[in-house]
Amino acid sequence: MALSSLRKKIRIMSLTTAASMIEDYVEQGLDEEAIGLSEEEVGILEEENKKTARMLYTLAKKIEKSGER
């Protein structure tokens, strides 16, 4: 089922907002003690957050391009 143009626009906005929030969480300089993780765990969290943000941006682009056909 195809998305209405409004729903598609809002879904893209939702995905890119979530990706941006994930990136901001990583870039704000995490304090290991404050979030209860070791330095190694924070490094892994940062890697996983970056991957997740990329996936969300990619999905948003796919949805955006699906209407260009």
PDB file of N, CA and C in Angstrom:
ATOM      1  N   MET A   1       0.839  -1.177   0.000  1.00  0.00           N
ATOM      2  CA  MET A   1       0.000   0.000   0.000  1.00  0.00           C
ATOM      3  C   MET A   1       0.889   1.246   0.000  1.00  0.00           C
ATOM      4  N   ALA A   2       0.613   2.151  -0.886  1.00  0.00           N
ATOM      5  CA  ALA A   2       1.416   3.367  -1.024  1.00  0.00           C
ATOM      6  C   ALA A   2       1.080   4.366   0.088  1.00  0.00           C
ATOM      7  N   LEU A   3       2.089   5.105   0.479  1.00  0.00           N
ATOM      8  CA  LEU A   3       1.897   6.137   1.492  1.00  0.00           C
ATOM      9  C   LEU A   3       1.340   7.394   0.844  1.00  0.00           C
ATOM     10  N   SER A   4       0.461   8.099   1.552  1.00  0.00           N
ATOM     11  CA  SER A   4       0.027   9.399   1.056  1.00  0.00           C
ATOM     12  C   SER A   4       1.237  10.329   1.103  1.00  0.00           C
ATOM     13  N   SER A   5       1.198  11.384   0.327  1.00  0.00           N
ATOM     14  CA  SER A   5       2.360  12.283   0.287  1.00  0.00           C
ATOM     15  C   SER A   5       2.617  12.922   1.655  1.00  0.00           C
ATOM     16  N   LEU A   6       1.561  13.222   2.402  1.00  0.00           N
ATOM     17  CA  LEU A   6       1.746  13.800   3.730  1.00  0.00           C
ATOM     18  C   LEU A   6       2.375  12.784   4.676  1.00  0.00           C
ATOM     19  N   ARG A   7       1.862  11.558   4.680  1.00  0.00           N
ATOM     20  CA  ARG A   7       2.407  10.525   5.564  1.00  0.00           C
ATOM     21  C   ARG A   7       3.857  10.236   5.192  1.00  0.00           C
ATOM     22  N   LYS A   8       4.156  10.207   3.895  1.00  0.00           N
ATOM     23  CA  LYS A   8       5.522   9.959   3.431  1.00  0.00           C
ATOM     24  C   LYS A   8       6.458  11.067   3.928  1.00  0.00           C
ATOM     25  N   LYS A   9       6.019  12.304   3.798  1.00  0.00           N
ATOM     26  CA  LYS A   9       6.815  13.451   4.252  1.00  0.00           C
ATOM     27  C   LYS A   9       7.094  13.353   5.752  1.00  0.00           C
ATOM     28  N   ILE A  10       6.063  13.010   6.525  1.00  0.00           N
ATOM     29  CA  ILE A  10       6.212  12.920   7.977  1.00  0.00           C
ATOM     30  C   ILE A  10       7.073  11.720   8.365  1.00  0.00           C
ATOM     31  N   ARG A  11       6.949  10.615   7.649  1.00  0.00           N
ATOM     32  CA  ARG A  11       7.781   9.446   7.951  1.00  0.00           C
ATOM     33  C   ARG A  11       9.254   9.766   7.716  1.00  0.00           C
ATOM     34  N   ILE A  12       9.555  10.440   6.617  1.00  0.00           N
ATOM     35  CA  ILE A  12      10.935  10.847   6.326  1.00  0.00           C
ATOM     36  C   ILE A  12      11.442  11.771   7.434  1.00  0.00           C
ATOM     37  N   MET A  13      10.610  12.701   7.849  1.00  0.00           N
ATOM     38  CA  MET A  13      10.985  13.624   8.925  1.00  0.00           C
ATOM     39  C   MET A  13      11.245  12.857  10.221  1.00  0.00           C
ATOM     40  N   SER A  14      10.412  11.894  10.513  1.00  0.00           N
ATOM     41  CA  SER A  14      10.576  11.090  11.721  1.00  0.00           C
ATOM     42  C   SER A  14      11.890  10.313  11.699  1.00  0.00           C
ATOM     43  N   LEU A  15      12.191   9.692  10.570  1.00  0.00           N
ATOM     44  CA  LEU A  15      13.428   8.916  10.444  1.00  0.00           C
ATOM     45  C   LEU A  15      14.667   9.798  10.571  1.00  0.00           C
ATOM     46  N   THR A  16      14.654  10.942   9.906  1.00  0.00           N
ATOM     47  CA  THR A  16      15.829  11.811   9.958  1.00  0.00           C
ATOM     48  C   THR A  16      15.979  12.471  11.331  1.00  0.00           C
ATOM     49  N   THR A  17      14.864  12.758  11.989  1.00  0.00           N
ATOM     50  CA  THR A  17      14.926  13.301  13.348  1.00  0.00           C
ATOM     51  C   THR A  17      15.532  12.282  14.304  1.00  0.00           C
ATOM     52  N   ALA A  18      15.080  11.042  14.204  1.00  0.00           N
ATOM     53  CA  ALA A  18      15.623   9.979  15.062  1.00  0.00           C
ATOM     54  C   ALA A  18      17.117   9.795  14.816  1.00  0.00           C
ATOM     55  N   ALA A  19      17.517   9.790  13.551  1.00  0.00           N
ATOM     56  CA  ALA A  19      18.937   9.637  13.217  1.00  0.00           C
ATOM     57  C   ALA A  19      19.755  10.785  13.799  1.00  0.00           C
ATOM     58  N   SER A  20      19.238  11.986  13.680  1.00  0.00           N
ATOM     59  CA  SER A  20      19.935  13.160  14.203  1.00  0.00           C
ATOM     60  C   SER A  20      20.063  13.098  15.727  1.00  0.00           C
ATOM     61  N   MET A  21      19.016  12.655  16.399  1.00  0.00           N
ATOM     62  CA  MET A  21      19.058  12.533  17.860  1.00  0.00           C
ATOM     63  C   MET A  21      20.090  11.496  18.290  1.00  0.00           C
ATOM     64  N   ILE A  22      20.170  10.401  17.557  1.00  0.00           N
ATOM     65  CA  ILE A  22      21.163   9.365  17.857  1.00  0.00           C
ATOM     66  C   ILE A  22      22.572   9.923  17.670  1.00  0.00           C
ATOM     67  N   GLU A  23      22.786  10.659  16.579  1.00  0.00           N
ATOM     68  CA  GLU A  23      24.103  11.264  16.339  1.00  0.00           C
ATOM     69  C   GLU A  23      24.461  12.263  17.437  1.00  0.00           C
ATOM     70  N   ASP A  24      23.497  13.081  17.836  1.00  0.00           N
ATOM     71  CA  ASP A  24      23.743  14.068  18.889  1.00  0.00           C
ATOM     72  C   ASP A  24      24.135  13.398  20.194  1.00  0.00           C
ATOM     73  N   TYR A  25      23.512  12.279  20.509  1.00  0.00           N
ATOM     74  CA  TYR A  25      23.814  11.553  21.742  1.00  0.00           C
ATOM     75  C   TYR A  25      25.271  11.108  21.737  1.00  0.00           C
ATOM     76  N   VAL A  26      25.736  10.661  20.590  1.00  0.00           N
ATOM     77  CA  VAL A  26      27.119  10.206  20.454  1.00  0.00           C
ATOM     78  C   VAL A  26      28.079  11.387  20.527  1.00  0.00           C
ATOM     79  N   GLU A  27      27.750  12.474  19.863  1.00  0.00           N
ATOM     80  CA  GLU A  27      28.663  13.605  19.726  1.00  0.00           C
ATOM     81  C   GLU A  27      28.727  14.506  20.955  1.00  0.00           C
ATOM     82  N   GLN A  28      27.803  14.359  21.878  1.00  0.00           N
ATOM     83  CA  GLN A  28      27.802  15.256  23.039  1.00  0.00           C
ATOM     84  C   GLN A  28      28.874  14.908  24.059  1.00  0.00           C
ATOM     85  N   GLY A  29      29.617  13.852  23.817  1.00  0.00           N
ATOM     86  CA  GLY A  29      30.683  13.467  24.734  1.00  0.00           C
ATOM     87  C   GLY A  29      30.124  12.720  25.928  1.00  0.00           C
ATOM     88  N   LEU A  30      29.930  11.453  25.745  1.00  0.00           N
ATOM     89  CA  LEU A  30      29.316  10.632  26.781  1.00  0.00           C
ATOM     90  C   LEU A  30      30.224  10.483  27.991  1.00  0.00           C
ATOM     91  N   ASP A  31      29.649  10.583  29.153  1.00  0.00           N
ATOM     92  CA  ASP A  31      30.356  10.356  30.412  1.00  0.00           C
ATOM     93  C   ASP A  31      30.051   8.929  30.847  1.00  0.00           C
ATOM     94  N   GLU A  32      31.069   8.088  30.832  1.00  0.00           N
ATOM     95  CA  GLU A  32      30.882   6.666  31.130  1.00  0.00           C
ATOM     96  C   GLU A  32      30.155   6.449  32.452  1.00  0.00           C
ATOM     97  N   GLU A  33      30.566   7.184  33.470  1.00  0.00           N
ATOM     98  CA  GLU A  33      29.959   7.014  34.793  1.00  0.00           C
ATOM     99  C   GLU A  33      28.486   7.399  34.785  1.00  0.00           C
ATOM    100  N   ALA A  34      28.165   8.474  34.100  1.00  0.00           N
ATOM    101  CA  ALA A  34      26.786   8.969  34.093  1.00  0.00           C
ATOM    102  C   ALA A  34      25.823   7.977  33.452  1.00  0.00           C
ATOM    103  N   ILE A  35      26.300   7.226  32.463  1.00  0.00           N
ATOM    104  CA  ILE A  35      25.410   6.267  31.803  1.00  0.00           C
ATOM    105  C   ILE A  35      25.679   4.831  32.224  1.00  0.00           C
ATOM    106  N   GLY A  36      26.617   4.646  33.139  1.00  0.00           N
ATOM    107  CA  GLY A  36      26.856   3.324  33.705  1.00  0.00           C
ATOM    108  C   GLY A  36      27.509   2.327  32.775  1.00  0.00           C
ATOM    109  N   LEU A  37      28.364   2.814  31.882  1.00  0.00           N
ATOM    110  CA  LEU A  37      29.076   1.938  30.953  1.00  0.00           C
ATOM    111  C   LEU A  37      30.576   2.130  31.101  1.00  0.00           C
ATOM    112  N   SER A  38      31.315   1.101  30.737  1.00  0.00           N
ATOM    113  CA  SER A  38      32.772   1.218  30.725  1.00  0.00           C
ATOM    114  C   SER A  38      33.192   1.995  29.485  1.00  0.00           C
ATOM    115  N   GLU A  39      34.455   2.382  29.446  1.00  0.00           N
ATOM    116  CA  GLU A  39      34.977   3.099  28.276  1.00  0.00           C
ATOM    117  C   GLU A  39      34.825   2.244  27.020  1.00  0.00           C
ATOM    118  N   GLU A  40      35.103   0.954  27.143  1.00  0.00           N
ATOM    119  CA  GLU A  40      34.963   0.038  26.004  1.00  0.00           C
ATOM    120  C   GLU A  40      33.505  -0.037  25.547  1.00  0.00           C
ATOM    121  N   GLU A  41      32.595  -0.123  26.493  1.00  0.00           N
ATOM    122  CA  GLU A  41      31.170  -0.209  26.152  1.00  0.00           C
ATOM    123  C   GLU A  41      30.683   1.066  25.474  1.00  0.00           C
ATOM    124  N   VAL A  42      31.171   2.208  25.927  1.00  0.00           N
ATOM    125  CA  VAL A  42      30.802   3.479  25.302  1.00  0.00           C
ATOM    126  C   VAL A  42      31.304   3.512  23.861  1.00  0.00           C
ATOM    127  N   GLY A  43      32.508   3.006  23.623  1.00  0.00           N
ATOM    128  CA  GLY A  43      33.038   2.946  22.260  1.00  0.00           C
ATOM    129  C   GLY A  43      32.155   2.103  21.357  1.00  0.00           C
ATOM    130  N   ILE A  44      31.723   0.968  21.868  1.00  0.00           N
ATOM    131  CA  ILE A  44      30.834   0.096  21.095  1.00  0.00           C
ATOM    132  C   ILE A  44      29.493   0.790  20.864  1.00  0.00           C
ATOM    133  N   LEU A  45      28.967   1.441  21.902  1.00  0.00           N
ATOM    134  CA  LEU A  45      27.703   2.167  21.775  1.00  0.00           C
ATOM    135  C   LEU A  45      27.800   3.238  20.698  1.00  0.00           C
ATOM    136  N   GLU A  46      28.902   3.971  20.680  1.00  0.00           N
ATOM    137  CA  GLU A  46      29.099   5.011  19.666  1.00  0.00           C
ATOM    138  C   GLU A  46      29.096   4.413  18.264  1.00  0.00           C
ATOM    139  N   GLU A  47      29.800   3.288  18.082  1.00  0.00           N
ATOM    140  CA  GLU A  47      29.826   2.623  16.778  1.00  0.00           C
ATOM    141  C   GLU A  47      28.431   2.182  16.359  1.00  0.00           C
ATOM    142  N   GLU A  48      27.713   1.565  17.278  1.00  0.00           N
ATOM    143  CA  GLU A  48      26.372   1.074  16.966  1.00  0.00           C
ATOM    144  C   GLU A  48      25.398   2.217  16.696  1.00  0.00           C
ATOM    145  N   ASN A  49      25.520   3.302  17.438  1.00  0.00           N
ATOM    146  CA  ASN A  49      24.655   4.457  17.198  1.00  0.00           C
ATOM    147  C   ASN A  49      24.906   5.055  15.818  1.00  0.00           C
ATOM    148  N   LYS A  50      26.169   5.130  15.426  1.00  0.00           N
ATOM    149  CA  LYS A  50      26.487   5.658  14.094  1.00  0.00           C
ATOM    150  C   LYS A  50      25.910   4.765  13.003  1.00  0.00           C
ATOM    151  N   LYS A  51      26.023   3.449  13.178  1.00  0.00           N
ATOM    152  CA  LYS A  51      25.458   2.512  12.205  1.00  0.00           C
ATOM    153  C   LYS A  51      23.944   2.658  12.127  1.00  0.00           C
ATOM    154  N   THR A  52      23.318   2.779  13.277  1.00  0.00           N
ATOM    155  CA  THR A  52      21.865   2.917  13.315  1.00  0.00           C
ATOM    156  C   THR A  52      21.425   4.207  12.638  1.00  0.00           C
ATOM    157  N   ALA A  53      22.131   5.296  12.896  1.00  0.00           N
ATOM    158  CA  ALA A  53      21.799   6.574  12.264  1.00  0.00           C
ATOM    159  C   ALA A  53      21.934   6.468  10.748  1.00  0.00           C
ATOM    160  N   ARG A  54      23.000   5.820  10.273  1.00  0.00           N
ATOM    161  CA  ARG A  54      23.179   5.639   8.824  1.00  0.00           C
ATOM    162  C   ARG A  54      22.029   4.835   8.227  1.00  0.00           C
ATOM    163  N   MET A  55      21.602   3.790   8.934  1.00  0.00           N
ATOM    164  CA  MET A  55      20.484   2.975   8.439  1.00  0.00           C
ATOM    165  C   MET A  55      19.206   3.803   8.343  1.00  0.00           C
ATOM    166  N   LEU A  56      18.970   4.645   9.334  1.00  0.00           N
ATOM    167  CA  LEU A  56      17.769   5.476   9.317  1.00  0.00           C
ATOM    168  C   LEU A  56      17.815   6.491   8.177  1.00  0.00           C
ATOM    169  N   TYR A  57      18.972   7.132   7.971  1.00  0.00           N
ATOM    170  CA  TYR A  57      19.110   8.068   6.853  1.00  0.00           C
ATOM    171  C   TYR A  57      18.919   7.353   5.515  1.00  0.00           C
ATOM    172  N   THR A  58      19.465   6.156   5.390  1.00  0.00           N
ATOM    173  CA  THR A  58      19.324   5.380   4.156  1.00  0.00           C
ATOM    174  C   THR A  58      17.864   5.044   3.899  1.00  0.00           C
ATOM    175  N   LEU A  59      17.155   4.631   4.927  1.00  0.00           N
ATOM    176  CA  LEU A  59      15.738   4.311   4.781  1.00  0.00           C
ATOM    177  C   LEU A  59      14.942   5.551   4.378  1.00  0.00           C
ATOM    178  N   ALA A  60      15.250   6.688   4.980  1.00  0.00           N
ATOM    179  CA  ALA A  60      14.568   7.934   4.625  1.00  0.00           C
ATOM    180  C   ALA A  60      14.810   8.282   3.156  1.00  0.00           C
ATOM    181  N   LYS A  61      16.046   8.097   2.691  1.00  0.00           N
ATOM    182  CA  LYS A  61      16.358   8.380   1.284  1.00  0.00           C
ATOM    183  C   LYS A  61      15.608   7.441   0.350  1.00  0.00           C
ATOM    184  N   LYS A  62      15.504   6.166   0.727  1.00  0.00           N
ATOM    185  CA  LYS A  62      14.764   5.203  -0.093  1.00  0.00           C
ATOM    186  C   LYS A  62      13.304   5.609  -0.215  1.00  0.00           C
ATOM    187  N   ILE A  63      12.715   6.004   0.888  1.00  0.00           N
ATOM    188  CA  ILE A  63      11.314   6.424   0.873  1.00  0.00           C
ATOM    189  C   ILE A  63      11.156   7.672   0.023  1.00  0.00           C
ATOM    190  N   GLU A  64      12.080   8.605   0.169  1.00  0.00           N
ATOM    191  CA  GLU A  64      12.037   9.845  -0.605  1.00  0.00           C
ATOM    192  C   GLU A  64      12.145   9.559  -2.101  1.00  0.00           C
ATOM    193  N   LYS A  65      13.066   8.673  -2.474  1.00  0.00           N
ATOM    194  CA  LYS A  65      13.271   8.344  -3.886  1.00  0.00           C
ATOM    195  C   LYS A  65      12.131   7.529  -4.470  1.00  0.00           C
ATOM    196  N   SER A  66      11.391   6.812  -3.647  1.00  0.00           N
ATOM    197  CA  SER A  66      10.307   5.974  -4.162  1.00  0.00           C
ATOM    198  C   SER A  66       9.216   6.806  -4.826  1.00  0.00           C
ATOM    199  N   GLY A  67       9.118   8.070  -4.495  1.00  0.00           N
ATOM    200  CA  GLY A  67       8.129   8.941  -5.111  1.00  0.00           C
ATOM    201  C   GLY A  67       8.632   9.653  -6.345  1.00  0.00           C
ATOM    202  N   GLU A  68       9.912   9.515  -6.660  1.00  0.00           N
ATOM    203  CA  GLU A  68      10.500  10.209  -7.811  1.00  0.00           C
ATOM    204  C   GLU A  68      10.332   9.439  -9.103  1.00  0.00           C
ATOM    205  N   ARG A  69       9.830   8.232  -9.004  1.00  0.00           N
ATOM    206  CA  ARG A  69       9.689   7.398 -10.203  1.00  0.00           C
ATOM    207  C   ARG A  69       8.544   7.824 -11.056  1.00  0.00           C
TER     208      ARG A  69
END
